[in-house]
Amino acid sequence: MVSCFPVQMLWGLAFAAVGWWLFTGISFGTHICCVGDNAESAREMGINVDRTKIKGFIFVGIACACAGVLSSLINNTFWPTTGDGYLLSALAAVFVGGTPTWGGVATVAGAVIGVFIVGFIETGLISSGFSGFYTQFFYGVVLILSLITHRFNQKKR
């Protein structure tokens, strides 16, 4: 019996679990949020800002490497422009998940929920018979609506 469950989803959930542990289980997540909110304030609190940024870039690099490997395994080939079509959907997923553009506040669970929502939108549009143009259009609409929502939901300073 062949399973129809995508193995890439298991890898994605495993990576989300590691990210959740990094951002909630140890001080790394707090340091990232402090540096993202105000680097000078974080420096005055005793956080090594440069080291925190380097660790953040290392984490993003590992995430990109995992995504590249999974993309190559799906397509059975590699081409330098393979991931170009995923930028708008990735941004839409991040912003739908609740990550604001001004930094300092984010959750891994929110990002995972945003990925599922955007994935369901794509699946629904393709099942309805829309072409790739319309999926990109709806990603743009979702992105704009989520940014407008973030703008009106932010606290007044």
N, C-alpha and C. Protein backbone atom coordinates (compact mmCIF):
# COMPACT_ATOMS: atom_id res chain seq x y z
N MET A 1 0.84 -1.18 0.00
CA MET A 1 0.00 0.00 0.00
C MET A 1 0.88 1.24 0.00
N VAL A 2 0.66 2.12 -0.96
CA VAL A 2 1.45 3.32 -1.10
C VAL A 2 0.72 4.47 -0.41
N SER A 3 1.45 5.19 0.38
CA SER A 3 0.87 6.32 1.10
C SER A 3 0.85 7.56 0.21
N CYS A 4 -0.18 8.35 0.31
CA CYS A 4 -0.30 9.58 -0.46
C CYS A 4 0.08 10.80 0.37
N PHE A 5 0.62 10.57 1.54
CA PHE A 5 1.00 11.67 2.42
C PHE A 5 2.36 12.21 1.98
N PRO A 6 2.48 13.51 1.73
CA PRO A 6 3.77 14.04 1.27
C PRO A 6 4.82 14.03 2.39
N VAL A 7 5.93 13.44 2.12
CA VAL A 7 7.01 13.34 3.09
C VAL A 7 7.62 14.71 3.38
N GLN A 8 7.56 15.62 2.40
CA GLN A 8 8.09 16.96 2.60
C GLN A 8 7.36 17.68 3.74
N MET A 9 6.09 17.34 3.94
CA MET A 9 5.35 17.95 5.04
C MET A 9 5.93 17.50 6.38
N LEU A 10 6.33 16.25 6.48
CA LEU A 10 6.95 15.77 7.72
C LEU A 10 8.27 16.51 7.98
N TRP A 11 9.06 16.69 6.93
CA TRP A 11 10.32 17.43 7.10
C TRP A 11 10.04 18.88 7.49
N GLY A 12 9.02 19.48 6.89
CA GLY A 12 8.65 20.85 7.24
C GLY A 12 8.19 20.97 8.67
N LEU A 13 7.37 20.03 9.11
CA LEU A 13 6.91 20.05 10.51
C LEU A 13 8.05 19.80 11.49
N ALA A 14 8.99 18.92 11.10
CA ALA A 14 10.16 18.68 11.96
C ALA A 14 11.01 19.95 12.07
N PHE A 15 11.19 20.65 10.95
CA PHE A 15 11.97 21.89 10.99
C PHE A 15 11.23 22.96 11.79
N ALA A 16 9.89 22.98 11.68
CA ALA A 16 9.11 23.94 12.48
C ALA A 16 9.23 23.62 13.96
N ALA A 17 9.28 22.34 14.31
CA ALA A 17 9.44 21.95 15.72
C ALA A 17 10.80 22.40 16.25
N VAL A 18 11.84 22.24 15.44
CA VAL A 18 13.18 22.70 15.84
C VAL A 18 13.18 24.22 15.99
N GLY A 19 12.54 24.92 15.04
CA GLY A 19 12.45 26.38 15.13
C GLY A 19 11.68 26.83 16.34
N TRP A 20 10.58 26.12 16.65
CA TRP A 20 9.79 26.46 17.83
C TRP A 20 10.64 26.28 19.10
N TRP A 21 11.41 25.19 19.16
CA TRP A 21 12.26 24.98 20.33
C TRP A 21 13.33 26.07 20.43
N LEU A 22 13.93 26.44 19.29
CA LEU A 22 14.95 27.49 19.31
C LEU A 22 14.39 28.83 19.77
N PHE A 23 13.17 29.13 19.37
CA PHE A 23 12.61 30.45 19.67
C PHE A 23 11.85 30.51 20.98
N THR A 24 11.49 29.38 21.56
CA THR A 24 10.77 29.42 22.83
C THR A 24 11.49 28.68 23.95
N GLY A 25 12.30 27.71 23.63
CA GLY A 25 12.93 26.87 24.64
C GLY A 25 14.22 27.41 25.20
N ILE A 26 14.91 28.24 24.44
CA ILE A 26 16.18 28.79 24.91
C ILE A 26 16.16 30.30 24.70
N SER A 27 17.19 30.98 25.14
CA SER A 27 17.21 32.45 25.10
C SER A 27 17.44 33.00 23.69
N PHE A 28 17.76 32.16 22.74
CA PHE A 28 18.01 32.60 21.37
C PHE A 28 16.81 33.36 20.81
N GLY A 29 15.61 32.86 21.02
CA GLY A 29 14.41 33.52 20.50
C GLY A 29 14.19 34.89 21.10
N THR A 30 14.42 35.00 22.39
CA THR A 30 14.28 36.30 23.05
C THR A 30 15.31 37.28 22.52
N HIS A 31 16.54 36.81 22.32
CA HIS A 31 17.59 37.68 21.78
C HIS A 31 17.25 38.14 20.37
N ILE A 32 16.73 37.21 19.54
CA ILE A 32 16.36 37.57 18.17
C ILE A 32 15.26 38.63 18.18
N CYS A 33 14.26 38.47 19.02
CA CYS A 33 13.17 39.45 19.09
C CYS A 33 13.66 40.80 19.60
N CYS A 34 14.56 40.79 20.56
CA CYS A 34 15.09 42.05 21.10
C CYS A 34 15.93 42.76 20.06
N VAL A 35 16.78 42.02 19.36
CA VAL A 35 17.64 42.62 18.34
C VAL A 35 16.78 43.11 17.17
N GLY A 36 15.74 42.36 16.81
CA GLY A 36 14.87 42.77 15.71
C GLY A 36 14.04 43.98 16.06
N ASP A 37 13.72 44.14 17.32
CA ASP A 37 12.91 45.28 17.74
C ASP A 37 13.75 46.55 17.81
N ASN A 38 14.89 46.47 18.51
CA ASN A 38 15.76 47.63 18.66
C ASN A 38 17.15 47.13 19.01
N ALA A 39 18.05 47.18 18.05
CA ALA A 39 19.40 46.64 18.25
C ALA A 39 20.17 47.40 19.32
N GLU A 40 20.02 48.70 19.36
CA GLU A 40 20.75 49.50 20.35
C GLU A 40 20.26 49.19 21.76
N SER A 41 18.96 49.06 21.92
CA SER A 41 18.41 48.71 23.23
C SER A 41 18.88 47.31 23.65
N ALA A 42 18.90 46.38 22.71
CA ALA A 42 19.38 45.03 23.02
C ALA A 42 20.84 45.05 23.43
N ARG A 43 21.63 45.87 22.78
CA ARG A 43 23.05 46.00 23.13
C ARG A 43 23.21 46.54 24.54
N GLU A 44 22.37 47.50 24.91
CA GLU A 44 22.43 48.07 26.25
C GLU A 44 21.95 47.09 27.32
N MET A 45 21.13 46.10 26.93
CA MET A 45 20.68 45.07 27.87
C MET A 45 21.72 43.97 28.04
N GLY A 46 22.82 44.04 27.30
CA GLY A 46 23.88 43.06 27.45
C GLY A 46 23.84 41.94 26.43
N ILE A 47 23.02 42.07 25.41
CA ILE A 47 22.95 41.05 24.36
C ILE A 47 24.02 41.37 23.32
N ASN A 48 24.78 40.36 22.95
CA ASN A 48 25.77 40.52 21.90
C ASN A 48 25.02 40.53 20.56
N VAL A 49 24.80 41.73 20.02
CA VAL A 49 23.96 41.90 18.83
C VAL A 49 24.59 41.24 17.61
N ASP A 50 25.89 41.41 17.44
CA ASP A 50 26.55 40.84 16.27
C ASP A 50 26.48 39.31 16.28
N ARG A 51 26.72 38.70 17.43
CA ARG A 51 26.65 37.25 17.54
C ARG A 51 25.22 36.75 17.30
N THR A 52 24.24 37.49 17.81
CA THR A 52 22.84 37.10 17.62
C THR A 52 22.46 37.19 16.14
N LYS A 53 22.90 38.24 15.46
CA LYS A 53 22.63 38.35 14.03
C LYS A 53 23.29 37.23 13.25
N ILE A 54 24.51 36.89 13.60
CA ILE A 54 25.21 35.80 12.91
C ILE A 54 24.48 34.48 13.13
N LYS A 55 24.04 34.22 14.36
CA LYS A 55 23.27 32.99 14.62
C LYS A 55 21.96 32.98 13.84
N GLY A 56 21.32 34.14 13.74
CA GLY A 56 20.09 34.23 12.96
C GLY A 56 20.33 33.93 11.49
N PHE A 57 21.42 34.48 10.93
CA PHE A 57 21.75 34.21 9.54
C PHE A 57 22.12 32.74 9.33
N ILE A 58 22.77 32.14 10.31
CA ILE A 58 23.10 30.71 10.21
C ILE A 58 21.81 29.89 10.17
N PHE A 59 20.85 30.23 11.03
CA PHE A 59 19.58 29.51 11.05
C PHE A 59 18.85 29.66 9.72
N VAL A 60 18.83 30.86 9.17
CA VAL A 60 18.17 31.09 7.88
C VAL A 60 18.91 30.34 6.77
N GLY A 61 20.24 30.30 6.83
CA GLY A 61 21.01 29.56 5.83
C GLY A 61 20.72 28.07 5.87
N ILE A 62 20.61 27.51 7.07
CA ILE A 62 20.27 26.09 7.19
C ILE A 62 18.87 25.83 6.66
N ALA A 63 17.93 26.74 6.96
CA ALA A 63 16.57 26.60 6.45
C ALA A 63 16.54 26.64 4.93
N CYS A 64 17.31 27.55 4.34
CA CYS A 64 17.37 27.64 2.88
C CYS A 64 18.00 26.39 2.28
N ALA A 65 19.02 25.86 2.92
CA ALA A 65 19.65 24.64 2.42
C ALA A 65 18.67 23.47 2.46
N CYS A 66 17.92 23.35 3.55
CA CYS A 66 16.91 22.28 3.64
C CYS A 66 15.84 22.45 2.56
N ALA A 67 15.39 23.68 2.34
CA ALA A 67 14.39 23.93 1.30
C ALA A 67 14.94 23.60 -0.08
N GLY A 68 16.20 23.93 -0.33
CA GLY A 68 16.80 23.61 -1.61
C GLY A 68 16.93 22.12 -1.84
N VAL A 69 17.32 21.39 -0.80
CA VAL A 69 17.42 19.93 -0.92
C VAL A 69 16.06 19.32 -1.18
N LEU A 70 15.03 19.76 -0.44
CA LEU A 70 13.69 19.22 -0.66
C LEU A 70 13.17 19.57 -2.04
N SER A 71 13.45 20.78 -2.52
CA SER A 71 13.03 21.17 -3.86
C SER A 71 13.72 20.32 -4.92
N SER A 72 14.99 20.04 -4.73
CA SER A 72 15.72 19.19 -5.68
C SER A 72 15.19 17.76 -5.65
N LEU A 73 14.82 17.28 -4.47
CA LEU A 73 14.28 15.93 -4.39
C LEU A 73 12.90 15.83 -5.04
N ILE A 74 12.11 16.89 -4.95
CA ILE A 74 10.79 16.88 -5.59
C ILE A 74 10.94 16.88 -7.11
N ASN A 75 11.79 17.73 -7.63
CA ASN A 75 11.91 17.92 -9.08
C ASN A 75 12.90 16.96 -9.73
N ASN A 76 13.67 16.24 -8.95
CA ASN A 76 14.71 15.33 -9.44
C ASN A 76 15.76 16.04 -10.28
N THR A 77 15.87 17.33 -10.13
CA THR A 77 16.88 18.10 -10.84
C THR A 77 17.10 19.41 -10.11
N PHE A 78 18.13 20.13 -10.51
CA PHE A 78 18.41 21.43 -9.92
C PHE A 78 18.62 22.43 -11.03
N TRP A 79 18.04 23.57 -10.87
CA TRP A 79 18.26 24.69 -11.77
C TRP A 79 18.33 25.94 -10.91
N PRO A 80 19.23 26.87 -11.19
CA PRO A 80 19.42 28.03 -10.30
C PRO A 80 18.17 28.87 -10.06
N THR A 81 17.23 28.86 -10.97
CA THR A 81 16.03 29.68 -10.81
C THR A 81 14.82 28.86 -10.36
N THR A 82 15.06 27.73 -9.73
CA THR A 82 13.97 26.83 -9.33
C THR A 82 13.01 27.49 -8.35
N GLY A 83 13.51 28.23 -7.38
CA GLY A 83 12.65 28.79 -6.34
C GLY A 83 12.11 30.17 -6.61
N ASP A 84 12.30 30.70 -7.81
CA ASP A 84 11.86 32.07 -8.09
C ASP A 84 10.36 32.24 -7.93
N GLY A 85 9.58 31.25 -8.25
CA GLY A 85 8.13 31.38 -8.18
C GLY A 85 7.57 31.29 -6.78
N TYR A 86 8.40 30.98 -5.79
CA TYR A 86 7.92 30.79 -4.43
C TYR A 86 8.02 32.04 -3.55
N LEU A 87 8.61 33.10 -4.05
CA LEU A 87 8.85 34.28 -3.21
C LEU A 87 7.55 34.93 -2.74
N LEU A 88 6.62 35.15 -3.66
CA LEU A 88 5.38 35.82 -3.28
C LEU A 88 4.56 34.98 -2.32
N SER A 89 4.50 33.67 -2.56
CA SER A 89 3.73 32.81 -1.65
C SER A 89 4.40 32.72 -0.28
N ALA A 90 5.73 32.72 -0.23
CA ALA A 90 6.43 32.69 1.06
C ALA A 90 6.18 33.97 1.85
N LEU A 91 6.24 35.12 1.18
CA LEU A 91 5.96 36.38 1.87
C LEU A 91 4.51 36.43 2.35
N ALA A 92 3.59 35.97 1.51
CA ALA A 92 2.19 35.96 1.91
C ALA A 92 1.99 35.06 3.13
N ALA A 93 2.65 33.91 3.15
CA ALA A 93 2.50 32.98 4.28
C ALA A 93 3.05 33.60 5.57
N VAL A 94 4.17 34.29 5.48
CA VAL A 94 4.77 34.90 6.67
C VAL A 94 3.87 36.00 7.22
N PHE A 95 3.35 36.84 6.34
CA PHE A 95 2.53 37.95 6.81
C PHE A 95 1.14 37.49 7.26
N VAL A 96 0.59 36.48 6.60
CA VAL A 96 -0.70 35.94 7.05
C VAL A 96 -0.52 35.29 8.42
N GLY A 97 0.65 34.72 8.66
CA GLY A 97 0.92 34.07 9.94
C GLY A 97 1.10 35.03 11.10
N GLY A 98 1.10 36.32 10.84
CA GLY A 98 1.13 37.28 11.93
C GLY A 98 2.46 37.97 12.17
N THR A 99 3.43 37.79 11.30
CA THR A 99 4.71 38.45 11.47
C THR A 99 4.61 39.86 10.90
N PRO A 100 4.78 40.88 11.72
CA PRO A 100 4.68 42.25 11.22
C PRO A 100 5.95 42.68 10.48
N THR A 101 5.84 43.73 9.70
CA THR A 101 6.98 44.20 8.93
C THR A 101 7.99 44.97 9.78
N TRP A 102 7.59 45.44 10.95
CA TRP A 102 8.49 46.26 11.76
C TRP A 102 9.36 45.42 12.69
N GLY A 103 9.19 44.11 12.75
CA GLY A 103 10.09 43.24 13.50
C GLY A 103 9.79 43.19 14.98
N GLY A 104 10.50 42.26 15.65
CA GLY A 104 10.41 42.17 17.09
C GLY A 104 9.33 41.25 17.62
N VAL A 105 8.31 40.94 16.81
CA VAL A 105 7.21 40.10 17.26
C VAL A 105 6.92 39.06 16.19
N ALA A 106 7.04 37.80 16.56
CA ALA A 106 6.73 36.72 15.62
C ALA A 106 6.60 35.42 16.40
N THR A 107 5.86 34.48 15.83
CA THR A 107 5.76 33.15 16.43
C THR A 107 5.93 32.11 15.33
N VAL A 108 6.53 31.01 15.68
CA VAL A 108 6.72 29.92 14.74
C VAL A 108 5.37 29.29 14.42
N ALA A 109 4.52 29.15 15.43
CA ALA A 109 3.19 28.56 15.20
C ALA A 109 2.38 29.43 14.24
N GLY A 110 2.48 30.74 14.37
CA GLY A 110 1.78 31.63 13.45
C GLY A 110 2.28 31.48 12.02
N ALA A 111 3.59 31.32 11.86
CA ALA A 111 4.15 31.12 10.52
C ALA A 111 3.67 29.80 9.92
N VAL A 112 3.60 28.75 10.72
CA VAL A 112 3.13 27.46 10.23
C VAL A 112 1.66 27.56 9.82
N ILE A 113 0.86 28.24 10.63
CA ILE A 113 -0.56 28.43 10.28
C ILE A 113 -0.68 29.24 8.99
N GLY A 114 0.15 30.26 8.83
CA GLY A 114 0.14 31.05 7.60
C GLY A 114 0.51 30.21 6.38
N VAL A 115 1.47 29.30 6.53
CA VAL A 115 1.84 28.42 5.43
C VAL A 115 0.68 27.52 5.05
N PHE A 116 -0.01 26.97 6.05
CA PHE A 116 -1.16 26.12 5.75
C PHE A 116 -2.27 26.91 5.06
N ILE A 117 -2.54 28.12 5.50
CA ILE A 117 -3.59 28.93 4.89
C ILE A 117 -3.26 29.24 3.44
N VAL A 118 -2.04 29.67 3.18
CA VAL A 118 -1.64 29.98 1.80
C VAL A 118 -1.63 28.72 0.95
N GLY A 119 -1.21 27.61 1.51
CA GLY A 119 -1.25 26.34 0.77
C GLY A 119 -2.66 25.93 0.42
N PHE A 120 -3.59 26.13 1.35
CA PHE A 120 -4.99 25.79 1.08
C PHE A 120 -5.58 26.73 0.03
N ILE A 121 -5.17 28.00 0.04
CA ILE A 121 -5.64 28.94 -0.97
C ILE A 121 -5.19 28.47 -2.35
N GLU A 122 -3.91 28.09 -2.46
CA GLU A 122 -3.40 27.61 -3.75
C GLU A 122 -4.12 26.35 -4.20
N THR A 123 -4.31 25.41 -3.29
CA THR A 123 -5.00 24.18 -3.64
C THR A 123 -6.43 24.45 -4.09
N GLY A 124 -7.11 25.34 -3.38
CA GLY A 124 -8.49 25.68 -3.74
C GLY A 124 -8.58 26.37 -5.09
N LEU A 125 -7.65 27.27 -5.37
CA LEU A 125 -7.68 27.97 -6.65
C LEU A 125 -7.40 27.02 -7.81
N ILE A 126 -6.44 26.14 -7.64
CA ILE A 126 -6.12 25.19 -8.71
C ILE A 126 -7.26 24.20 -8.90
N SER A 127 -7.87 23.77 -7.80
CA SER A 127 -9.02 22.86 -7.90
C SER A 127 -10.21 23.53 -8.57
N SER A 128 -10.32 24.84 -8.44
CA SER A 128 -11.42 25.57 -9.07
C SER A 128 -11.18 25.81 -10.56
N GLY A 129 -9.98 25.51 -11.02
CA GLY A 129 -9.68 25.64 -12.44
C GLY A 129 -8.98 26.93 -12.82
N PHE A 130 -8.53 27.71 -11.86
CA PHE A 130 -7.82 28.94 -12.17
C PHE A 130 -6.40 28.63 -12.62
N SER A 131 -5.82 29.50 -13.43
CA SER A 131 -4.46 29.30 -13.90
C SER A 131 -3.46 29.87 -12.89
N GLY A 132 -2.17 29.72 -13.19
CA GLY A 132 -1.12 30.21 -12.31
C GLY A 132 -1.14 31.71 -12.15
N PHE A 133 -1.61 32.42 -13.17
CA PHE A 133 -1.71 33.88 -13.07
C PHE A 133 -2.62 34.27 -11.92
N TYR A 134 -3.75 33.61 -11.80
CA TYR A 134 -4.71 33.96 -10.75
C TYR A 134 -4.19 33.59 -9.36
N THR A 135 -3.42 32.51 -9.25
CA THR A 135 -2.87 32.18 -7.94
C THR A 135 -1.89 33.26 -7.50
N GLN A 136 -1.06 33.77 -8.42
CA GLN A 136 -0.15 34.86 -8.07
C GLN A 136 -0.94 36.12 -7.72
N PHE A 137 -2.01 36.37 -8.44
CA PHE A 137 -2.87 37.53 -8.14
C PHE A 137 -3.45 37.43 -6.74
N PHE A 138 -3.97 36.26 -6.37
CA PHE A 138 -4.54 36.09 -5.04
C PHE A 138 -3.48 36.14 -3.95
N TYR A 139 -2.27 35.67 -4.23
CA TYR A 139 -1.18 35.83 -3.27
C TYR A 139 -0.92 37.31 -3.02
N GLY A 140 -0.91 38.10 -4.08
CA GLY A 140 -0.71 39.54 -3.92
C GLY A 140 -1.83 40.19 -3.13
N VAL A 141 -3.07 39.79 -3.38
CA VAL A 141 -4.21 40.33 -2.65
C VAL A 141 -4.11 39.96 -1.16
N VAL A 142 -3.79 38.70 -0.89
CA VAL A 142 -3.64 38.25 0.50
C VAL A 142 -2.51 39.01 1.18
N LEU A 143 -1.41 39.22 0.48
CA LEU A 143 -0.27 39.95 1.03
C LEU A 143 -0.66 41.39 1.37
N ILE A 144 -1.33 42.06 0.46
CA ILE A 144 -1.73 43.44 0.70
C ILE A 144 -2.74 43.53 1.85
N LEU A 145 -3.72 42.63 1.86
CA LEU A 145 -4.71 42.65 2.94
C LEU A 145 -4.09 42.37 4.30
N SER A 146 -3.13 41.45 4.35
CA SER A 146 -2.51 41.16 5.64
C SER A 146 -1.65 42.33 6.11
N LEU A 147 -0.97 43.01 5.19
CA LEU A 147 -0.17 44.18 5.59
C LEU A 147 -1.07 45.32 6.06
N ILE A 148 -2.20 45.51 5.40
CA ILE A 148 -3.15 46.54 5.84
C ILE A 148 -3.69 46.18 7.23
N THR A 149 -3.99 44.91 7.44
CA THR A 149 -4.49 44.47 8.75
C THR A 149 -3.45 44.68 9.83
N HIS A 150 -2.18 44.38 9.52
CA HIS A 150 -1.11 44.61 10.49
C HIS A 150 -0.99 46.10 10.81
N ARG A 151 -1.17 46.94 9.81
CA ARG A 151 -1.03 48.37 10.00
C ARG A 151 -2.08 48.89 10.98
N PHE A 152 -3.31 48.41 10.85
CA PHE A 152 -4.38 48.91 11.72
C PHE A 152 -4.45 48.18 13.05
N ASN A 153 -3.77 47.05 13.19
CA ASN A 153 -3.78 46.33 14.46
C ASN A 153 -2.59 46.67 15.36
N GLN A 154 -1.63 47.43 14.84
CA GLN A 154 -0.47 47.74 15.67
C GLN A 154 -0.84 48.73 16.77
N LYS A 155 -0.10 48.65 17.86
CA LYS A 155 -0.33 49.53 18.99
C LYS A 155 0.11 50.95 18.65
N LYS A 156 -0.63 51.88 19.13
CA LYS A 156 -0.26 53.29 18.94
C LYS A 156 0.90 53.63 19.86
N ARG A 157 1.91 54.28 19.33
CA ARG A 157 3.10 54.63 20.12
C ARG A 157 3.04 56.07 20.56
